Amino acid sequence: MSTQPGVRPDPAFGLLELYDEALPHVYGYLLARCADRAVAEDLTAETFLAAVDAARKPDAPPLSVSWLIGVARHKLADHWRREERQQRRQRRLETDHEPSVDPWDVELDVMVARDVLASLGAHHRLALTLRYLDGLPVPEVAAHLERTVHATEALLVRARTAFRKEYTREEGRS
């Protein structure tokens, strides 16, 4: 940081003060949702780089751990969207119509559920994570997915069905 007259300090230096406190929270948030250390590390780096860019803007938001978690959520959503686009190029999306009623009232085994979630396609994993792990309402999930609310509701039905089918298969193997 320069103390010369007329030289304005870089506003991103405020992020350095927050870095040590925020890093474990941001990384932990990402790792818990993607279960892949390399991806979580990459997304953590992307999160802090985006925070530096945002901190340098004239209308920069106040820097906080919760704001960084929000940036991380966006980075994770972007990652899963990219992954889904790659998968979509390799195969056609399923077009089967599932019932809109979801009567599944089963207590889930957390480890099996995490493995099943990781095995789902990126679009299903993202929708389920935003809706049920992050607790976002469907309209916010739709905004993150850049879809209409109706399309997001349909995606959530298909994602729950895919999750249920794979979860039942995994439990049968135990």
N, C-alpha and C. Protein backbone atom coordinates (compact mmCIF):
# COMPACT_ATOMS: atom_id res chain seq x y z
N MET A 1 0.84 -1.17 0.00
CA MET A 1 0.00 0.00 0.00
C MET A 1 0.90 1.24 0.00
N SER A 2 0.61 2.16 -0.88
CA SER A 2 1.41 3.37 -0.98
C SER A 2 0.82 4.47 -0.11
N THR A 3 1.70 5.26 0.47
CA THR A 3 1.24 6.38 1.29
C THR A 3 1.55 7.71 0.61
N GLN A 4 1.88 7.66 -0.67
CA GLN A 4 2.16 8.89 -1.40
C GLN A 4 0.88 9.69 -1.57
N PRO A 5 1.00 11.04 -1.48
CA PRO A 5 -0.19 11.87 -1.66
C PRO A 5 -0.75 11.67 -3.08
N GLY A 6 -2.06 11.61 -3.19
CA GLY A 6 -2.72 11.49 -4.48
C GLY A 6 -2.84 10.07 -4.97
N VAL A 7 -2.25 9.13 -4.25
CA VAL A 7 -2.36 7.72 -4.64
C VAL A 7 -3.37 7.05 -3.72
N ARG A 8 -4.46 6.61 -4.33
CA ARG A 8 -5.52 5.97 -3.57
C ARG A 8 -5.16 4.50 -3.34
N PRO A 9 -5.26 4.00 -2.11
CA PRO A 9 -4.95 2.59 -1.87
C PRO A 9 -5.96 1.69 -2.60
N ASP A 10 -5.49 0.53 -2.98
CA ASP A 10 -6.34 -0.43 -3.68
C ASP A 10 -7.41 -0.93 -2.71
N PRO A 11 -8.70 -0.76 -3.04
CA PRO A 11 -9.77 -1.20 -2.12
C PRO A 11 -9.77 -2.71 -1.90
N ALA A 12 -9.12 -3.45 -2.78
CA ALA A 12 -9.09 -4.90 -2.62
C ALA A 12 -8.22 -5.33 -1.44
N PHE A 13 -7.41 -4.41 -0.89
CA PHE A 13 -6.61 -4.76 0.28
C PHE A 13 -7.50 -5.12 1.47
N GLY A 14 -8.73 -4.60 1.50
CA GLY A 14 -9.66 -4.97 2.56
C GLY A 14 -9.97 -6.46 2.55
N LEU A 15 -9.89 -7.04 1.37
CA LEU A 15 -10.13 -8.47 1.25
C LEU A 15 -9.01 -9.28 1.92
N LEU A 16 -7.80 -8.73 1.90
CA LEU A 16 -6.68 -9.43 2.56
C LEU A 16 -6.93 -9.60 4.05
N GLU A 17 -7.53 -8.58 4.65
CA GLU A 17 -7.82 -8.64 6.08
C GLU A 17 -8.87 -9.71 6.39
N LEU A 18 -9.76 -9.95 5.43
CA LEU A 18 -10.85 -10.91 5.62
C LEU A 18 -10.46 -12.32 5.18
N TYR A 19 -9.42 -12.45 4.40
CA TYR A 19 -9.06 -13.71 3.74
C TYR A 19 -8.90 -14.88 4.72
N ASP A 20 -8.08 -14.71 5.75
CA ASP A 20 -7.81 -15.82 6.68
C ASP A 20 -9.09 -16.30 7.37
N GLU A 21 -9.96 -15.38 7.69
CA GLU A 21 -11.22 -15.77 8.34
C GLU A 21 -12.16 -16.43 7.35
N ALA A 22 -12.22 -15.90 6.14
CA ALA A 22 -13.22 -16.35 5.16
C ALA A 22 -12.84 -17.63 4.43
N LEU A 23 -11.56 -17.86 4.22
CA LEU A 23 -11.12 -19.00 3.42
C LEU A 23 -11.72 -20.34 3.87
N PRO A 24 -11.65 -20.70 5.14
CA PRO A 24 -12.22 -22.01 5.53
C PRO A 24 -13.73 -22.08 5.32
N HIS A 25 -14.42 -20.96 5.47
CA HIS A 25 -15.87 -20.94 5.27
C HIS A 25 -16.22 -21.14 3.79
N VAL A 26 -15.53 -20.42 2.93
CA VAL A 26 -15.80 -20.50 1.49
C VAL A 26 -15.44 -21.89 0.98
N TYR A 27 -14.26 -22.36 1.33
CA TYR A 27 -13.82 -23.69 0.87
C TYR A 27 -14.73 -24.78 1.42
N GLY A 28 -15.08 -24.68 2.69
CA GLY A 28 -15.96 -25.68 3.31
C GLY A 28 -17.33 -25.70 2.66
N TYR A 29 -17.86 -24.53 2.35
CA TYR A 29 -19.16 -24.44 1.67
C TYR A 29 -19.08 -25.16 0.33
N LEU A 30 -18.05 -24.89 -0.44
CA LEU A 30 -17.92 -25.48 -1.77
C LEU A 30 -17.65 -26.98 -1.70
N LEU A 31 -16.76 -27.40 -0.81
CA LEU A 31 -16.42 -28.82 -0.70
C LEU A 31 -17.64 -29.65 -0.28
N ALA A 32 -18.44 -29.12 0.62
CA ALA A 32 -19.63 -29.85 1.07
C ALA A 32 -20.64 -30.04 -0.06
N ARG A 33 -20.61 -29.18 -1.04
CA ARG A 33 -21.59 -29.25 -2.12
C ARG A 33 -21.10 -29.95 -3.36
N CYS A 34 -19.81 -29.98 -3.58
CA CYS A 34 -19.32 -30.64 -4.80
C CYS A 34 -18.53 -31.91 -4.48
N ALA A 35 -18.09 -32.08 -3.24
CA ALA A 35 -17.39 -33.29 -2.77
C ALA A 35 -16.16 -33.64 -3.62
N ASP A 36 -15.57 -32.66 -4.26
CA ASP A 36 -14.37 -32.88 -5.06
C ASP A 36 -13.38 -31.79 -4.66
N ARG A 37 -12.29 -32.20 -4.03
CA ARG A 37 -11.33 -31.23 -3.49
C ARG A 37 -10.77 -30.31 -4.56
N ALA A 38 -10.41 -30.87 -5.71
CA ALA A 38 -9.81 -30.06 -6.77
C ALA A 38 -10.80 -29.01 -7.27
N VAL A 39 -12.04 -29.41 -7.46
CA VAL A 39 -13.07 -28.47 -7.92
C VAL A 39 -13.31 -27.41 -6.85
N ALA A 40 -13.40 -27.84 -5.59
CA ALA A 40 -13.63 -26.88 -4.49
C ALA A 40 -12.48 -25.88 -4.40
N GLU A 41 -11.25 -26.35 -4.59
CA GLU A 41 -10.10 -25.44 -4.57
C GLU A 41 -10.16 -24.44 -5.72
N ASP A 42 -10.46 -24.94 -6.92
CA ASP A 42 -10.56 -24.05 -8.09
C ASP A 42 -11.67 -23.02 -7.90
N LEU A 43 -12.81 -23.46 -7.41
CA LEU A 43 -13.93 -22.54 -7.22
C LEU A 43 -13.66 -21.54 -6.10
N THR A 44 -12.91 -21.97 -5.09
CA THR A 44 -12.52 -21.04 -4.01
C THR A 44 -11.63 -19.94 -4.59
N ALA A 45 -10.68 -20.33 -5.42
CA ALA A 45 -9.80 -19.34 -6.06
C ALA A 45 -10.62 -18.40 -6.94
N GLU A 46 -11.54 -18.95 -7.72
CA GLU A 46 -12.40 -18.11 -8.57
C GLU A 46 -13.22 -17.14 -7.73
N THR A 47 -13.69 -17.62 -6.58
CA THR A 47 -14.49 -16.78 -5.69
C THR A 47 -13.69 -15.56 -5.22
N PHE A 48 -12.47 -15.80 -4.78
CA PHE A 48 -11.66 -14.69 -4.27
C PHE A 48 -11.20 -13.76 -5.39
N LEU A 49 -10.96 -14.31 -6.57
CA LEU A 49 -10.61 -13.44 -7.71
C LEU A 49 -11.80 -12.54 -8.08
N ALA A 50 -12.99 -13.12 -8.08
CA ALA A 50 -14.18 -12.32 -8.36
C ALA A 50 -14.39 -11.26 -7.27
N ALA A 51 -14.07 -11.62 -6.04
CA ALA A 51 -14.22 -10.67 -4.93
C ALA A 51 -13.25 -9.50 -5.11
N VAL A 52 -12.03 -9.77 -5.57
CA VAL A 52 -11.06 -8.69 -5.81
C VAL A 52 -11.60 -7.74 -6.88
N ASP A 53 -12.13 -8.31 -7.97
CA ASP A 53 -12.70 -7.47 -9.03
C ASP A 53 -13.86 -6.64 -8.50
N ALA A 54 -14.74 -7.26 -7.73
CA ALA A 54 -15.90 -6.54 -7.19
C ALA A 54 -15.47 -5.46 -6.21
N ALA A 55 -14.46 -5.73 -5.40
CA ALA A 55 -14.00 -4.76 -4.40
C ALA A 55 -13.43 -3.50 -5.05
N ARG A 56 -12.96 -3.62 -6.26
CA ARG A 56 -12.36 -2.47 -6.95
C ARG A 56 -13.38 -1.61 -7.67
N LYS A 57 -14.61 -2.03 -7.72
CA LYS A 57 -15.65 -1.24 -8.39
C LYS A 57 -16.10 -0.11 -7.47
N PRO A 58 -16.53 1.00 -8.07
CA PRO A 58 -16.94 2.15 -7.24
C PRO A 58 -18.12 1.85 -6.32
N ASP A 59 -19.03 0.99 -6.75
CA ASP A 59 -20.21 0.67 -5.94
C ASP A 59 -20.04 -0.69 -5.26
N ALA A 60 -18.82 -0.98 -4.82
CA ALA A 60 -18.50 -2.28 -4.23
C ALA A 60 -19.32 -2.53 -2.97
N PRO A 61 -19.81 -3.77 -2.82
CA PRO A 61 -20.54 -4.10 -1.60
C PRO A 61 -19.56 -4.22 -0.43
N PRO A 62 -20.06 -4.13 0.79
CA PRO A 62 -19.18 -4.34 1.94
C PRO A 62 -18.70 -5.79 1.96
N LEU A 63 -17.42 -5.99 2.18
CA LEU A 63 -16.85 -7.33 2.17
C LEU A 63 -17.18 -8.03 3.48
N SER A 64 -17.67 -9.28 3.35
CA SER A 64 -17.98 -10.09 4.53
C SER A 64 -17.93 -11.55 4.13
N VAL A 65 -17.89 -12.42 5.11
CA VAL A 65 -17.87 -13.85 4.84
C VAL A 65 -19.16 -14.26 4.13
N SER A 66 -20.30 -13.75 4.59
CA SER A 66 -21.57 -14.14 3.97
C SER A 66 -21.64 -13.67 2.52
N TRP A 67 -21.10 -12.51 2.22
CA TRP A 67 -21.08 -12.04 0.83
C TRP A 67 -20.20 -12.97 -0.01
N LEU A 68 -19.05 -13.37 0.54
CA LEU A 68 -18.17 -14.29 -0.19
C LEU A 68 -18.84 -15.65 -0.41
N ILE A 69 -19.62 -16.12 0.54
CA ILE A 69 -20.36 -17.37 0.36
C ILE A 69 -21.35 -17.21 -0.79
N GLY A 70 -21.98 -16.05 -0.89
CA GLY A 70 -22.88 -15.78 -2.01
C GLY A 70 -22.15 -15.82 -3.35
N VAL A 71 -20.95 -15.25 -3.38
CA VAL A 71 -20.13 -15.30 -4.60
C VAL A 71 -19.78 -16.76 -4.91
N ALA A 72 -19.43 -17.52 -3.87
CA ALA A 72 -19.10 -18.94 -4.05
C ALA A 72 -20.29 -19.71 -4.60
N ARG A 73 -21.49 -19.39 -4.13
CA ARG A 73 -22.70 -20.05 -4.63
C ARG A 73 -22.85 -19.81 -6.12
N HIS A 74 -22.60 -18.58 -6.54
CA HIS A 74 -22.69 -18.26 -7.97
C HIS A 74 -21.61 -19.00 -8.77
N LYS A 75 -20.41 -19.07 -8.22
CA LYS A 75 -19.33 -19.79 -8.91
C LYS A 75 -19.65 -21.28 -9.04
N LEU A 76 -20.24 -21.86 -7.99
CA LEU A 76 -20.62 -23.26 -8.03
C LEU A 76 -21.72 -23.49 -9.07
N ALA A 77 -22.69 -22.60 -9.09
CA ALA A 77 -23.76 -22.71 -10.10
C ALA A 77 -23.18 -22.59 -11.51
N ASP A 78 -22.27 -21.66 -11.71
CA ASP A 78 -21.63 -21.51 -13.02
C ASP A 78 -20.88 -22.79 -13.40
N HIS A 79 -20.18 -23.37 -12.43
CA HIS A 79 -19.43 -24.61 -12.68
C HIS A 79 -20.37 -25.72 -13.13
N TRP A 80 -21.46 -25.89 -12.40
CA TRP A 80 -22.38 -26.97 -12.74
C TRP A 80 -23.09 -26.71 -14.07
N ARG A 81 -23.35 -25.44 -14.37
CA ARG A 81 -23.94 -25.12 -15.69
C ARG A 81 -22.96 -25.49 -16.80
N ARG A 82 -21.68 -25.17 -16.63
CA ARG A 82 -20.67 -25.53 -17.64
C ARG A 82 -20.60 -27.05 -17.79
N GLU A 83 -20.59 -27.73 -16.66
CA GLU A 83 -20.52 -29.19 -16.69
C GLU A 83 -21.75 -29.78 -17.40
N GLU A 84 -22.89 -29.23 -17.11
CA GLU A 84 -24.11 -29.71 -17.75
C GLU A 84 -24.09 -29.47 -19.26
N ARG A 85 -23.62 -28.32 -19.68
CA ARG A 85 -23.55 -28.05 -21.12
C ARG A 85 -22.65 -29.07 -21.81
N GLN A 86 -21.56 -29.44 -21.16
CA GLN A 86 -20.67 -30.44 -21.74
C GLN A 86 -21.36 -31.80 -21.82
N GLN A 87 -22.08 -32.17 -20.78
CA GLN A 87 -22.80 -33.44 -20.79
C GLN A 87 -23.93 -33.43 -21.82
N ARG A 88 -24.59 -32.30 -21.96
CA ARG A 88 -25.70 -32.18 -22.90
C ARG A 88 -25.22 -32.39 -24.33
N ARG A 89 -24.02 -31.92 -24.62
CA ARG A 89 -23.47 -32.12 -25.95
C ARG A 89 -23.25 -33.60 -26.23
N GLN A 90 -22.98 -34.39 -25.21
CA GLN A 90 -22.68 -35.80 -25.38
C GLN A 90 -23.92 -36.69 -25.41
N ARG A 91 -25.02 -36.21 -24.88
CA ARG A 91 -26.23 -37.04 -24.86
C ARG A 91 -27.47 -36.16 -24.88
N ARG A 92 -28.53 -36.71 -25.32
CA ARG A 92 -29.81 -35.99 -25.28
C ARG A 92 -30.38 -36.05 -23.88
N LEU A 93 -31.05 -34.97 -23.50
CA LEU A 93 -31.69 -34.97 -22.18
C LEU A 93 -32.90 -35.89 -22.19
N GLU A 94 -33.13 -36.52 -21.09
CA GLU A 94 -34.30 -37.38 -20.96
C GLU A 94 -35.55 -36.53 -21.09
N THR A 95 -36.55 -37.06 -21.78
CA THR A 95 -37.78 -36.29 -21.97
C THR A 95 -38.98 -36.99 -21.36
N ASP A 96 -38.73 -38.00 -20.51
CA ASP A 96 -39.87 -38.68 -19.91
C ASP A 96 -40.59 -37.74 -18.94
N HIS A 97 -41.89 -37.90 -18.87
CA HIS A 97 -42.71 -37.05 -18.01
C HIS A 97 -43.00 -37.79 -16.72
N GLU A 98 -42.57 -37.22 -15.64
CA GLU A 98 -42.74 -37.83 -14.33
C GLU A 98 -43.95 -37.21 -13.63
N PRO A 99 -44.56 -37.95 -12.75
CA PRO A 99 -45.69 -37.38 -12.00
C PRO A 99 -45.23 -36.21 -11.13
N SER A 100 -46.10 -35.23 -10.93
CA SER A 100 -45.72 -34.05 -10.17
C SER A 100 -45.89 -34.25 -8.66
N VAL A 101 -46.46 -35.36 -8.23
CA VAL A 101 -46.63 -35.64 -6.82
C VAL A 101 -45.38 -36.36 -6.33
N ASP A 102 -44.87 -35.93 -5.21
CA ASP A 102 -43.65 -36.53 -4.66
C ASP A 102 -43.94 -37.04 -3.25
N PRO A 103 -44.47 -38.26 -3.13
CA PRO A 103 -44.88 -38.76 -1.82
C PRO A 103 -43.78 -39.46 -1.03
N TRP A 104 -42.55 -39.29 -1.42
CA TRP A 104 -41.46 -40.03 -0.79
C TRP A 104 -41.15 -39.47 0.59
N ASP A 105 -41.55 -40.17 1.62
CA ASP A 105 -41.30 -39.75 3.00
C ASP A 105 -40.37 -40.75 3.66
N VAL A 106 -39.12 -40.74 3.25
CA VAL A 106 -38.15 -41.71 3.74
C VAL A 106 -37.01 -40.96 4.39
N GLU A 107 -36.52 -41.50 5.50
CA GLU A 107 -35.33 -40.91 6.10
C GLU A 107 -34.12 -41.38 5.31
N LEU A 108 -33.29 -40.45 4.87
CA LEU A 108 -32.18 -40.78 4.00
C LEU A 108 -30.90 -41.02 4.79
N ASP A 109 -30.11 -41.97 4.33
CA ASP A 109 -28.78 -42.19 4.86
C ASP A 109 -27.89 -41.11 4.23
N VAL A 110 -27.26 -40.29 5.05
CA VAL A 110 -26.51 -39.13 4.57
C VAL A 110 -25.39 -39.52 3.62
N MET A 111 -24.64 -40.54 3.95
CA MET A 111 -23.53 -40.94 3.09
C MET A 111 -24.02 -41.45 1.74
N VAL A 112 -25.07 -42.26 1.75
CA VAL A 112 -25.63 -42.76 0.49
C VAL A 112 -26.20 -41.59 -0.30
N ALA A 113 -26.89 -40.70 0.39
CA ALA A 113 -27.48 -39.54 -0.30
C ALA A 113 -26.40 -38.68 -0.95
N ARG A 114 -25.29 -38.47 -0.27
CA ARG A 114 -24.19 -37.67 -0.84
C ARG A 114 -23.62 -38.35 -2.08
N ASP A 115 -23.42 -39.68 -2.01
CA ASP A 115 -22.91 -40.42 -3.16
C ASP A 115 -23.89 -40.37 -4.33
N VAL A 116 -25.17 -40.52 -4.02
CA VAL A 116 -26.19 -40.47 -5.07
C VAL A 116 -26.22 -39.09 -5.70
N LEU A 117 -26.18 -38.06 -4.89
CA LEU A 117 -26.20 -36.69 -5.43
C LEU A 117 -25.00 -36.47 -6.34
N ALA A 118 -23.85 -36.96 -5.95
CA ALA A 118 -22.64 -36.80 -6.76
C ALA A 118 -22.74 -37.57 -8.07
N SER A 119 -23.54 -38.63 -8.11
CA SER A 119 -23.65 -39.44 -9.33
C SER A 119 -24.65 -38.87 -10.32
N LEU A 120 -25.48 -37.94 -9.89
CA LEU A 120 -26.49 -37.37 -10.79
C LEU A 120 -25.85 -36.42 -11.79
N GLY A 121 -26.57 -36.15 -12.86
CA GLY A 121 -26.12 -35.17 -13.83
C GLY A 121 -26.01 -33.80 -13.18
N ALA A 122 -25.20 -32.96 -13.73
CA ALA A 122 -24.93 -31.65 -13.13
C ALA A 122 -26.21 -30.82 -12.97
N HIS A 123 -27.09 -30.88 -13.96
CA HIS A 123 -28.31 -30.07 -13.88
C HIS A 123 -29.20 -30.53 -12.73
N HIS A 124 -29.30 -31.84 -12.50
CA HIS A 124 -30.09 -32.33 -11.38
C HIS A 124 -29.41 -32.01 -10.06
N ARG A 125 -28.09 -32.22 -10.00
CA ARG A 125 -27.33 -31.96 -8.78
C ARG A 125 -27.44 -30.49 -8.38
N LEU A 126 -27.31 -29.59 -9.36
CA LEU A 126 -27.40 -28.17 -9.06
C LEU A 126 -28.78 -27.80 -8.55
N ALA A 127 -29.82 -28.26 -9.22
CA ALA A 127 -31.18 -27.92 -8.81
C ALA A 127 -31.47 -28.43 -7.39
N LEU A 128 -31.11 -29.68 -7.12
CA LEU A 128 -31.36 -30.25 -5.79
C LEU A 128 -30.54 -29.55 -4.71
N THR A 129 -29.30 -29.23 -5.02
CA THR A 129 -28.44 -28.56 -4.04
C THR A 129 -28.98 -27.19 -3.68
N LEU A 130 -29.31 -26.40 -4.70
CA LEU A 130 -29.82 -25.06 -4.43
C LEU A 130 -31.14 -25.10 -3.66
N ARG A 131 -32.01 -26.04 -4.04
CA ARG A 131 -33.33 -26.09 -3.42
C ARG A 131 -33.29 -26.69 -2.02
N TYR A 132 -32.62 -27.83 -1.86
CA TYR A 132 -32.74 -28.56 -0.60
C TYR A 132 -31.55 -28.39 0.34
N LEU A 133 -30.35 -28.24 -0.17
CA LEU A 133 -29.21 -28.03 0.73
C LEU A 133 -29.08 -26.56 1.11
N ASP A 134 -29.25 -25.68 0.11
CA ASP A 134 -29.16 -24.25 0.40
C ASP A 134 -30.49 -23.67 0.85
N GLY A 135 -31.59 -24.41 0.63
CA GLY A 135 -32.91 -23.98 1.09
C GLY A 135 -33.47 -22.80 0.32
N LEU A 136 -33.04 -22.62 -0.92
CA LEU A 136 -33.56 -21.50 -1.71
C LEU A 136 -34.96 -21.81 -2.21
N PRO A 137 -35.83 -20.81 -2.26
CA PRO A 137 -37.15 -21.03 -2.84
C PRO A 137 -37.02 -21.24 -4.35
N VAL A 138 -38.02 -21.89 -4.94
CA VAL A 138 -37.97 -22.24 -6.36
C VAL A 138 -37.70 -21.02 -7.25
N PRO A 139 -38.30 -19.85 -7.01
CA PRO A 139 -37.99 -18.71 -7.89
C PRO A 139 -36.50 -18.32 -7.86
N GLU A 140 -35.85 -18.43 -6.69
CA GLU A 140 -34.42 -18.12 -6.63
C GLU A 140 -33.59 -19.20 -7.32
N VAL A 141 -34.01 -20.46 -7.18
CA VAL A 141 -33.33 -21.54 -7.90
C VAL A 141 -33.44 -21.27 -9.39
N ALA A 142 -34.63 -20.89 -9.84
CA ALA A 142 -34.85 -20.59 -11.26
C ALA A 142 -33.94 -19.47 -11.72
N ALA A 143 -33.76 -18.45 -10.91
CA ALA A 143 -32.88 -17.34 -11.28
C ALA A 143 -31.43 -17.81 -11.41
N HIS A 144 -30.98 -18.65 -10.48
CA HIS A 144 -29.61 -19.17 -10.55
C HIS A 144 -29.42 -20.05 -11.79
N LEU A 145 -30.46 -20.79 -12.15
CA LEU A 145 -30.37 -21.70 -13.29
C LEU A 145 -30.66 -21.01 -14.61
N GLU A 146 -31.08 -19.76 -14.52
CA GLU A 146 -31.46 -19.00 -15.71
C GLU A 146 -32.57 -19.73 -16.47
N ARG A 147 -33.60 -20.14 -15.72
CA ARG A 147 -34.76 -20.83 -16.26
C ARG A 147 -36.01 -20.16 -15.72
N THR A 148 -37.14 -20.51 -16.33
CA THR A 148 -38.41 -20.03 -15.79
C THR A 148 -38.74 -20.84 -14.54
N VAL A 149 -39.63 -20.31 -13.72
CA VAL A 149 -40.05 -21.03 -12.52
C VAL A 149 -40.69 -22.36 -12.91
N HIS A 150 -41.53 -22.34 -13.94
CA HIS A 150 -42.21 -23.57 -14.38
C HIS A 150 -41.18 -24.61 -14.84
N ALA A 151 -40.21 -24.20 -15.64
CA ALA A 151 -39.18 -25.13 -16.10
C ALA A 151 -38.36 -25.66 -14.93
N THR A 152 -38.11 -24.82 -13.94
CA THR A 152 -37.35 -25.23 -12.76
C THR A 152 -38.14 -26.24 -11.93
N GLU A 153 -39.44 -26.01 -11.78
CA GLU A 153 -40.27 -26.97 -11.05
C GLU A 153 -40.24 -28.33 -11.75
N ALA A 154 -40.34 -28.32 -13.07
CA ALA A 154 -40.28 -29.58 -13.84
C ALA A 154 -38.92 -30.25 -13.67
N LEU A 155 -37.85 -29.45 -13.69
CA LEU A 155 -36.51 -29.99 -13.50
C LEU A 155 -36.38 -30.61 -12.11
N LEU A 156 -36.93 -29.94 -11.09
CA LEU A 156 -36.86 -30.47 -9.73
C LEU A 156 -37.61 -31.80 -9.61
N VAL A 157 -38.74 -31.92 -10.29
CA VAL A 157 -39.47 -33.19 -10.28
C VAL A 157 -38.62 -34.30 -10.89
N ARG A 158 -38.00 -34.01 -12.04
CA ARG A 158 -37.15 -35.01 -12.69
C ARG A 158 -35.92 -35.33 -11.83
N ALA A 159 -35.36 -34.29 -11.20
CA ALA A 159 -34.17 -34.50 -10.36
C ALA A 159 -34.51 -35.34 -9.14
N ARG A 160 -35.64 -35.06 -8.50
CA ARG A 160 -36.05 -35.87 -7.33
C ARG A 160 -36.29 -37.33 -7.74
N THR A 161 -36.91 -37.51 -8.91
CA THR A 161 -37.17 -38.87 -9.40
C THR A 161 -35.87 -39.61 -9.67
N ALA A 162 -34.92 -38.93 -10.32
CA ALA A 162 -33.62 -39.54 -10.61
C ALA A 162 -32.89 -39.86 -9.30
N PHE A 163 -32.96 -38.94 -8.34
CA PHE A 163 -32.32 -39.15 -7.05
C PHE A 163 -32.94 -40.36 -6.36
N ARG A 164 -34.27 -40.40 -6.32
CA ARG A 164 -34.99 -41.49 -5.65
C ARG A 164 -34.64 -42.84 -6.29
N LYS A 165 -34.63 -42.88 -7.62
CA LYS A 165 -34.34 -44.13 -8.32
C LYS A 165 -32.92 -44.62 -7.99
N GLU A 166 -31.95 -43.72 -8.02
CA GLU A 166 -30.56 -44.10 -7.75
C GLU A 166 -30.37 -44.42 -6.26
N TYR A 167 -31.03 -43.67 -5.39
CA TYR A 167 -30.92 -43.91 -3.95
C TYR A 167 -31.46 -45.30 -3.61
N THR A 168 -32.60 -45.64 -4.18
CA THR A 168 -33.20 -46.95 -3.94
C THR A 168 -32.28 -48.06 -4.44
N ARG A 169 -31.67 -47.85 -5.60
CA ARG A 169 -30.73 -48.82 -6.17
C ARG A 169 -29.52 -48.98 -5.23
N GLU A 170 -28.97 -47.86 -4.74
CA GLU A 170 -27.80 -47.90 -3.85
C GLU A 170 -28.13 -48.60 -2.53
N GLU A 171 -29.31 -48.30 -1.98
CA GLU A 171 -29.70 -48.93 -0.72
C GLU A 171 -29.87 -50.44 -0.89
N GLY A 172 -30.33 -50.87 -2.06
CA GLY A 172 -30.49 -52.29 -2.34
C GLY A 172 -29.17 -53.02 -2.39
N ARG A 173 -28.10 -52.30 -2.71
CA ARG A 173 -26.77 -52.89 -2.77
C ARG A 173 -26.15 -53.06 -1.40
N SER A 174 -26.65 -52.29 -0.42
CA SER A 174 -26.05 -52.31 0.93
C SER A 174 -26.32 -53.61 1.64
